């Protein structure tokens, strides 16, 4: 039935699905071909990659993506028992906030006592850069 509907839509110029030739198939490449593809892909990493722009990733992005930052963030959450320290909500979308600004105090970036857990709403309310104006 569904094939008839799709066929009639296709015949009327209303093509709804475009499935790839290998949809649902397994092991479509030989082991030899997979090795060749892997070897070729490994040559296009870093400076040899087509998206390389001279190592322009800003330091801030590199720091916030680092394992050290993720450990700091998780340690702040654990210390605060995954609870917003302003409104008391437990779990949900929590954010780790630097009490002393990340950019101005590089020596305190990964100190657990320089972090506090906020929910998104409280973080926006308490963070000077993202302050939401009062409705009143």
N, C-alpha and C. Protein backbone atom coordinates (compact mmCIF):
# COMPACT_ATOMS: atom_id res chain seq x y z
N UNK A 1 0.83 -1.20 0.00
CA UNK A 1 0.00 0.00 0.00
C UNK A 1 0.87 1.27 0.00
N UNK A 2 1.83 1.30 0.94
CA UNK A 2 2.69 2.48 1.04
C UNK A 2 3.51 2.66 -0.24
N UNK A 3 3.95 1.53 -0.82
CA UNK A 3 4.72 1.61 -2.06
C UNK A 3 3.88 2.20 -3.18
N UNK A 4 2.58 1.87 -3.21
CA UNK A 4 1.69 2.41 -4.24
C UNK A 4 1.53 3.92 -4.06
N UNK A 5 1.42 4.37 -2.79
CA UNK A 5 1.27 5.81 -2.53
C UNK A 5 2.54 6.54 -2.96
N UNK A 6 3.70 5.99 -2.57
CA UNK A 6 4.96 6.62 -2.95
C UNK A 6 5.12 6.63 -4.47
N UNK A 7 4.73 5.51 -5.11
CA UNK A 7 4.86 5.42 -6.57
C UNK A 7 3.96 6.45 -7.24
N UNK A 8 2.75 6.62 -6.72
CA UNK A 8 1.84 7.58 -7.34
C UNK A 8 2.34 9.01 -7.12
N UNK A 9 2.90 9.30 -5.93
CA UNK A 9 3.45 10.62 -5.68
C UNK A 9 4.65 10.87 -6.59
N UNK A 10 5.47 9.83 -6.77
CA UNK A 10 6.65 9.97 -7.62
C UNK A 10 6.22 10.21 -9.07
N UNK A 11 5.21 9.48 -9.50
CA UNK A 11 4.73 9.62 -10.87
C UNK A 11 4.15 11.01 -11.11
N UNK A 12 3.61 11.63 -10.05
CA UNK A 12 3.03 12.97 -10.18
C UNK A 12 4.06 14.07 -9.97
N UNK A 13 5.31 13.71 -9.83
CA UNK A 13 6.36 14.71 -9.64
C UNK A 13 6.51 15.18 -8.20
N UNK A 14 5.91 14.47 -7.26
CA UNK A 14 5.99 14.84 -5.86
C UNK A 14 6.85 13.83 -5.09
N UNK A 15 8.05 13.65 -5.53
CA UNK A 15 8.94 12.67 -4.91
C UNK A 15 9.15 13.04 -3.44
N UNK A 16 8.85 12.12 -2.53
CA UNK A 16 8.93 12.43 -1.10
C UNK A 16 10.16 11.84 -0.43
N UNK A 17 10.71 10.77 -0.95
CA UNK A 17 11.88 10.14 -0.33
C UNK A 17 12.95 9.88 -1.37
N UNK A 18 14.18 10.07 -0.97
CA UNK A 18 15.29 9.74 -1.84
C UNK A 18 16.25 8.88 -1.03
N UNK A 19 16.12 7.58 -1.16
CA UNK A 19 16.95 6.69 -0.39
C UNK A 19 18.24 6.40 -1.12
N UNK A 20 19.29 6.25 -0.33
CA UNK A 20 20.59 5.96 -0.89
C UNK A 20 20.62 4.51 -1.41
N UNK A 21 21.50 4.24 -2.33
CA UNK A 21 21.58 2.92 -2.94
C UNK A 21 21.96 1.84 -1.94
N UNK A 22 22.66 2.23 -0.85
CA UNK A 22 23.12 1.23 0.10
C UNK A 22 22.32 1.24 1.40
N UNK A 23 21.11 1.80 1.39
CA UNK A 23 20.28 1.87 2.58
C UNK A 23 19.94 0.47 3.07
N UNK A 24 20.28 0.20 4.33
CA UNK A 24 19.97 -1.08 4.94
C UNK A 24 20.95 -2.19 4.62
N UNK A 25 21.93 -1.93 3.76
CA UNK A 25 22.91 -2.96 3.42
C UNK A 25 24.09 -2.88 4.37
N UNK A 26 24.68 -4.02 4.66
CA UNK A 26 25.84 -4.07 5.54
C UNK A 26 27.04 -4.59 4.77
N UNK A 27 28.21 -4.20 5.25
CA UNK A 27 29.47 -4.68 4.65
C UNK A 27 29.52 -4.40 3.15
N UNK A 28 29.25 -3.16 2.77
CA UNK A 28 29.25 -2.84 1.35
C UNK A 28 30.65 -2.62 0.80
N UNK A 29 31.63 -2.39 1.71
CA UNK A 29 33.01 -2.21 1.28
C UNK A 29 33.86 -3.38 1.76
N UNK A 30 34.80 -3.79 0.95
CA UNK A 30 35.70 -4.87 1.36
C UNK A 30 36.67 -4.33 2.40
N UNK A 31 37.33 -5.22 3.13
CA UNK A 31 38.30 -4.81 4.15
C UNK A 31 39.45 -4.03 3.50
N UNK A 32 39.83 -4.44 2.33
CA UNK A 32 40.91 -3.76 1.61
C UNK A 32 40.51 -2.32 1.26
N UNK A 33 39.27 -2.16 0.78
CA UNK A 33 38.78 -0.82 0.45
C UNK A 33 38.69 0.05 1.69
N UNK A 34 38.24 -0.50 2.81
CA UNK A 34 38.15 0.25 4.06
C UNK A 34 39.52 0.71 4.52
N UNK A 35 40.54 -0.15 4.37
CA UNK A 35 41.91 0.23 4.74
C UNK A 35 42.39 1.39 3.89
N UNK A 36 42.12 1.32 2.58
CA UNK A 36 42.53 2.40 1.67
C UNK A 36 41.83 3.71 2.03
N UNK A 37 40.54 3.65 2.35
CA UNK A 37 39.78 4.84 2.71
C UNK A 37 40.33 5.44 4.02
N UNK A 38 40.64 4.61 4.98
CA UNK A 38 41.18 5.07 6.25
C UNK A 38 42.54 5.73 6.06
N UNK A 39 43.38 5.11 5.26
CA UNK A 39 44.71 5.65 5.00
C UNK A 39 44.61 7.00 4.30
N UNK A 40 43.70 7.12 3.35
CA UNK A 40 43.52 8.36 2.62
C UNK A 40 42.99 9.46 3.54
N UNK A 41 42.05 9.12 4.42
CA UNK A 41 41.47 10.11 5.35
C UNK A 41 42.51 10.60 6.34
N UNK A 42 43.43 9.73 6.75
CA UNK A 42 44.42 10.12 7.74
C UNK A 42 45.40 11.15 7.17
N UNK A 43 45.47 11.27 5.86
CA UNK A 43 46.35 12.25 5.22
C UNK A 43 45.71 13.64 5.19
N UNK A 44 44.42 13.73 5.52
CA UNK A 44 43.72 15.01 5.44
C UNK A 44 43.40 15.59 6.82
N UNK A 45 44.25 15.34 7.79
CA UNK A 45 44.04 15.82 9.16
C UNK A 45 44.97 17.00 9.43
N UNK A 46 44.49 17.96 10.21
CA UNK A 46 45.32 19.10 10.59
C UNK A 46 45.61 20.02 9.43
N UNK A 47 46.87 20.37 9.27
CA UNK A 47 47.26 21.33 8.23
C UNK A 47 46.95 20.84 6.82
N UNK A 48 46.84 19.54 6.64
CA UNK A 48 46.57 18.99 5.31
C UNK A 48 45.07 18.93 5.00
N UNK A 49 44.23 19.19 5.99
CA UNK A 49 42.79 19.14 5.79
C UNK A 49 42.28 20.32 4.99
N UNK A 50 41.17 20.11 4.29
CA UNK A 50 40.62 21.16 3.43
C UNK A 50 40.04 22.32 4.22
N UNK A 51 39.68 22.10 5.50
CA UNK A 51 39.11 23.17 6.32
C UNK A 51 40.15 23.89 7.17
N UNK A 52 41.42 23.57 7.01
CA UNK A 52 42.48 24.18 7.80
C UNK A 52 42.58 25.66 7.47
N UNK A 53 42.59 26.49 8.50
CA UNK A 53 42.68 27.94 8.33
C UNK A 53 43.85 28.51 9.12
N UNK A 54 44.91 27.76 9.23
CA UNK A 54 46.11 28.26 9.88
C UNK A 54 46.09 28.21 11.39
N UNK A 55 45.35 27.30 11.98
CA UNK A 55 45.31 27.18 13.44
C UNK A 55 44.68 28.39 14.10
N UNK A 56 43.56 28.85 13.58
CA UNK A 56 42.94 30.08 14.06
C UNK A 56 41.96 29.90 15.20
N UNK A 57 41.82 28.70 15.76
CA UNK A 57 40.88 28.50 16.85
C UNK A 57 41.32 29.33 18.05
N UNK A 58 40.46 30.23 18.53
CA UNK A 58 40.83 31.08 19.65
C UNK A 58 41.14 30.27 20.92
N UNK A 59 42.04 30.82 21.73
CA UNK A 59 42.45 30.15 22.96
C UNK A 59 41.26 29.86 23.86
N UNK A 60 40.30 30.77 23.92
CA UNK A 60 39.13 30.60 24.78
C UNK A 60 38.36 29.34 24.41
N UNK A 61 38.16 29.12 23.12
CA UNK A 61 37.42 27.93 22.66
C UNK A 61 38.21 26.67 22.98
N UNK A 62 39.52 26.72 22.77
CA UNK A 62 40.36 25.56 23.09
C UNK A 62 40.30 25.24 24.58
N UNK A 63 40.35 26.26 25.42
CA UNK A 63 40.30 26.04 26.87
C UNK A 63 38.97 25.45 27.30
N UNK A 64 37.89 26.00 26.79
CA UNK A 64 36.57 25.52 27.22
C UNK A 64 36.24 24.13 26.66
N UNK A 65 36.94 23.70 25.64
CA UNK A 65 36.75 22.36 25.09
C UNK A 65 37.72 21.35 25.69
N UNK A 66 38.61 21.82 26.55
CA UNK A 66 39.65 20.94 27.10
C UNK A 66 39.10 20.00 28.17
N UNK A 67 39.80 18.92 28.38
CA UNK A 67 39.43 17.95 29.41
C UNK A 67 39.52 18.60 30.80
N UNK A 68 40.51 19.46 30.98
CA UNK A 68 40.70 20.13 32.27
C UNK A 68 39.48 20.98 32.63
N UNK A 69 38.91 21.68 31.65
CA UNK A 69 37.72 22.49 31.89
C UNK A 69 36.51 21.61 32.22
N UNK A 70 36.36 20.51 31.49
CA UNK A 70 35.23 19.61 31.73
C UNK A 70 35.30 18.99 33.12
N UNK A 71 36.51 18.66 33.56
CA UNK A 71 36.69 18.12 34.92
C UNK A 71 36.31 19.19 35.94
N UNK A 72 36.78 20.44 35.74
CA UNK A 72 36.44 21.54 36.64
C UNK A 72 34.92 21.70 36.75
N UNK A 73 34.27 21.71 35.61
CA UNK A 73 32.82 21.88 35.56
C UNK A 73 32.09 20.77 36.33
N UNK A 74 32.50 19.53 36.07
CA UNK A 74 31.87 18.41 36.77
C UNK A 74 32.14 18.44 38.27
N UNK A 75 33.34 18.86 38.67
CA UNK A 75 33.66 18.96 40.10
C UNK A 75 32.81 20.03 40.79
N UNK A 76 32.55 21.14 40.10
CA UNK A 76 31.67 22.18 40.65
C UNK A 76 30.26 21.62 40.82
N UNK A 77 29.76 20.91 39.81
CA UNK A 77 28.42 20.30 39.90
C UNK A 77 28.35 19.31 41.06
N UNK A 78 29.36 18.47 41.20
CA UNK A 78 29.37 17.48 42.28
C UNK A 78 29.40 18.17 43.64
N UNK A 79 30.24 19.18 43.79
CA UNK A 79 30.33 19.89 45.06
C UNK A 79 28.98 20.50 45.44
N UNK A 80 28.28 21.06 44.44
CA UNK A 80 26.99 21.72 44.69
C UNK A 80 25.82 20.74 44.59
N UNK A 81 26.12 19.46 44.47
CA UNK A 81 25.11 18.39 44.42
C UNK A 81 24.11 18.61 43.28
N UNK A 82 24.60 19.09 42.13
CA UNK A 82 23.78 19.30 40.94
C UNK A 82 22.54 20.14 41.25
N UNK A 83 22.74 21.18 42.07
CA UNK A 83 21.66 22.05 42.50
C UNK A 83 22.01 23.50 42.22
N UNK A 84 21.08 24.25 41.63
CA UNK A 84 21.29 25.68 41.39
C UNK A 84 21.46 26.36 42.74
N UNK A 85 22.51 27.13 42.90
CA UNK A 85 22.81 27.76 44.17
C UNK A 85 22.02 29.05 44.38
N UNK A 86 21.19 29.42 43.44
CA UNK A 86 20.35 30.61 43.59
C UNK A 86 18.91 30.22 43.88
N UNK A 87 18.30 29.43 43.00
CA UNK A 87 16.88 29.10 43.17
C UNK A 87 16.65 27.72 43.77
N UNK A 88 17.68 26.87 43.80
CA UNK A 88 17.56 25.56 44.43
C UNK A 88 17.05 24.44 43.55
N UNK A 89 16.85 24.69 42.26
CA UNK A 89 16.38 23.64 41.37
C UNK A 89 17.46 22.56 41.26
N UNK A 90 17.03 21.31 41.27
CA UNK A 90 17.96 20.18 41.20
C UNK A 90 17.95 19.61 39.79
N UNK A 91 19.13 19.43 39.22
CA UNK A 91 19.26 18.84 37.88
C UNK A 91 18.77 19.77 36.79
N UNK A 92 18.52 19.20 35.64
CA UNK A 92 18.08 20.00 34.50
C UNK A 92 19.27 20.59 33.76
N UNK A 93 19.07 21.74 33.16
CA UNK A 93 20.12 22.41 32.40
C UNK A 93 20.92 23.32 33.32
N UNK A 94 21.98 22.79 33.88
CA UNK A 94 22.82 23.54 34.80
C UNK A 94 24.06 24.07 34.10
N UNK A 95 24.58 25.17 34.63
CA UNK A 95 25.80 25.76 34.09
C UNK A 95 26.75 26.07 35.24
N UNK A 96 28.03 25.87 35.00
CA UNK A 96 29.04 26.22 35.99
C UNK A 96 29.50 27.64 35.70
N UNK A 97 29.38 28.50 36.70
CA UNK A 97 29.72 29.92 36.55
C UNK A 97 31.01 30.22 37.29
N UNK A 98 31.89 30.99 36.66
CA UNK A 98 33.12 31.44 37.33
C UNK A 98 32.78 32.67 38.17
N UNK A 99 33.05 32.61 39.46
CA UNK A 99 32.77 33.74 40.35
C UNK A 99 33.67 34.93 39.97
N UNK A 100 34.96 34.67 39.87
CA UNK A 100 35.90 35.68 39.34
C UNK A 100 36.01 35.39 37.85
N UNK A 101 35.85 36.39 36.99
CA UNK A 101 35.75 36.17 35.54
C UNK A 101 36.88 35.33 34.94
N UNK A 102 36.49 34.44 34.07
CA UNK A 102 37.38 33.52 33.37
C UNK A 102 38.50 34.27 32.65
N UNK A 103 38.14 35.36 31.97
CA UNK A 103 39.11 36.09 31.15
C UNK A 103 40.08 36.93 32.00
N UNK A 104 39.61 37.45 33.13
CA UNK A 104 40.43 38.36 33.92
C UNK A 104 41.33 37.66 34.95
N UNK A 105 40.98 36.45 35.33
CA UNK A 105 41.73 35.72 36.34
C UNK A 105 42.15 34.34 35.84
N UNK A 106 43.11 34.29 34.91
CA UNK A 106 43.50 33.00 34.33
C UNK A 106 44.03 32.01 35.38
N UNK A 107 44.60 32.52 36.46
CA UNK A 107 45.14 31.63 37.49
C UNK A 107 44.03 30.95 38.30
N UNK A 108 42.79 31.47 38.22
CA UNK A 108 41.65 30.90 38.97
C UNK A 108 40.70 30.10 38.09
N UNK A 109 41.02 29.95 36.81
CA UNK A 109 40.10 29.30 35.86
C UNK A 109 39.69 27.90 36.28
N UNK A 110 40.59 27.15 36.84
CA UNK A 110 40.31 25.74 37.14
C UNK A 110 40.29 25.47 38.63
N UNK A 111 40.13 26.50 39.44
CA UNK A 111 39.99 26.35 40.89
C UNK A 111 38.52 26.08 41.18
N UNK A 112 38.23 25.00 41.85
CA UNK A 112 36.85 24.61 42.12
C UNK A 112 36.14 25.65 43.01
N UNK A 113 36.89 26.29 43.91
CA UNK A 113 36.27 27.29 44.78
C UNK A 113 35.94 28.59 44.03
N UNK A 114 36.31 28.69 42.76
CA UNK A 114 35.95 29.84 41.93
C UNK A 114 34.74 29.51 41.04
N UNK A 115 34.05 28.43 41.33
CA UNK A 115 32.90 28.05 40.53
C UNK A 115 31.65 27.95 41.37
N UNK A 116 30.51 28.15 40.72
CA UNK A 116 29.21 28.01 41.37
C UNK A 116 28.23 27.47 40.33
N UNK A 117 27.30 26.65 40.76
CA UNK A 117 26.32 26.03 39.87
C UNK A 117 25.06 26.89 39.80
N UNK A 118 24.65 27.21 38.58
CA UNK A 118 23.40 27.94 38.35
C UNK A 118 22.59 27.22 37.28
N UNK A 119 21.26 27.36 37.36
CA UNK A 119 20.43 26.94 36.23
C UNK A 119 20.57 28.05 35.18
N UNK A 120 20.09 27.81 33.98
CA UNK A 120 20.27 28.78 32.90
C UNK A 120 19.66 30.14 33.25
N UNK A 121 18.45 30.13 33.83
CA UNK A 121 17.76 31.37 34.16
C UNK A 121 18.52 32.17 35.21
N UNK A 122 18.98 31.50 36.26
CA UNK A 122 19.72 32.20 37.33
C UNK A 122 21.09 32.64 36.84
N UNK A 123 21.69 31.87 35.95
CA UNK A 123 22.99 32.27 35.41
C UNK A 123 22.84 33.58 34.62
N UNK A 124 21.79 33.67 33.82
CA UNK A 124 21.55 34.89 33.06
C UNK A 124 21.26 36.07 34.00
N UNK A 125 20.58 35.79 35.10
CA UNK A 125 20.23 36.84 36.05
C UNK A 125 21.48 37.33 36.82
N UNK A 126 22.38 36.41 37.16
CA UNK A 126 23.53 36.74 38.00
C UNK A 126 24.80 37.08 37.24
N UNK A 127 24.86 36.77 35.97
CA UNK A 127 26.06 37.04 35.18
C UNK A 127 25.93 38.44 34.58
N UNK A 128 26.86 39.30 34.88
CA UNK A 128 26.79 40.69 34.42
C UNK A 128 26.77 40.81 32.90
N UNK A 129 27.49 39.90 32.20
CA UNK A 129 27.53 39.97 30.75
C UNK A 129 26.20 39.58 30.12
N UNK A 130 25.43 38.70 30.78
CA UNK A 130 24.20 38.18 30.20
C UNK A 130 22.96 38.65 30.96
N UNK A 131 23.09 39.70 31.71
CA UNK A 131 22.01 40.16 32.57
C UNK A 131 20.75 40.42 31.76
N UNK A 132 19.63 39.91 32.27
CA UNK A 132 18.32 40.12 31.64
C UNK A 132 17.68 41.32 32.32
N UNK A 133 17.23 42.31 31.55
CA UNK A 133 16.61 43.48 32.19
C UNK A 133 15.31 43.09 32.91
N UNK A 134 15.03 43.75 34.02
CA UNK A 134 13.81 43.50 34.78
C UNK A 134 12.60 43.99 33.99
N UNK A 135 11.49 43.29 34.13
CA UNK A 135 10.25 43.67 33.43
C UNK A 135 9.57 44.85 34.11
N UNK A 136 9.91 45.14 35.35
CA UNK A 136 9.23 46.21 36.08
C UNK A 136 9.71 47.58 35.69
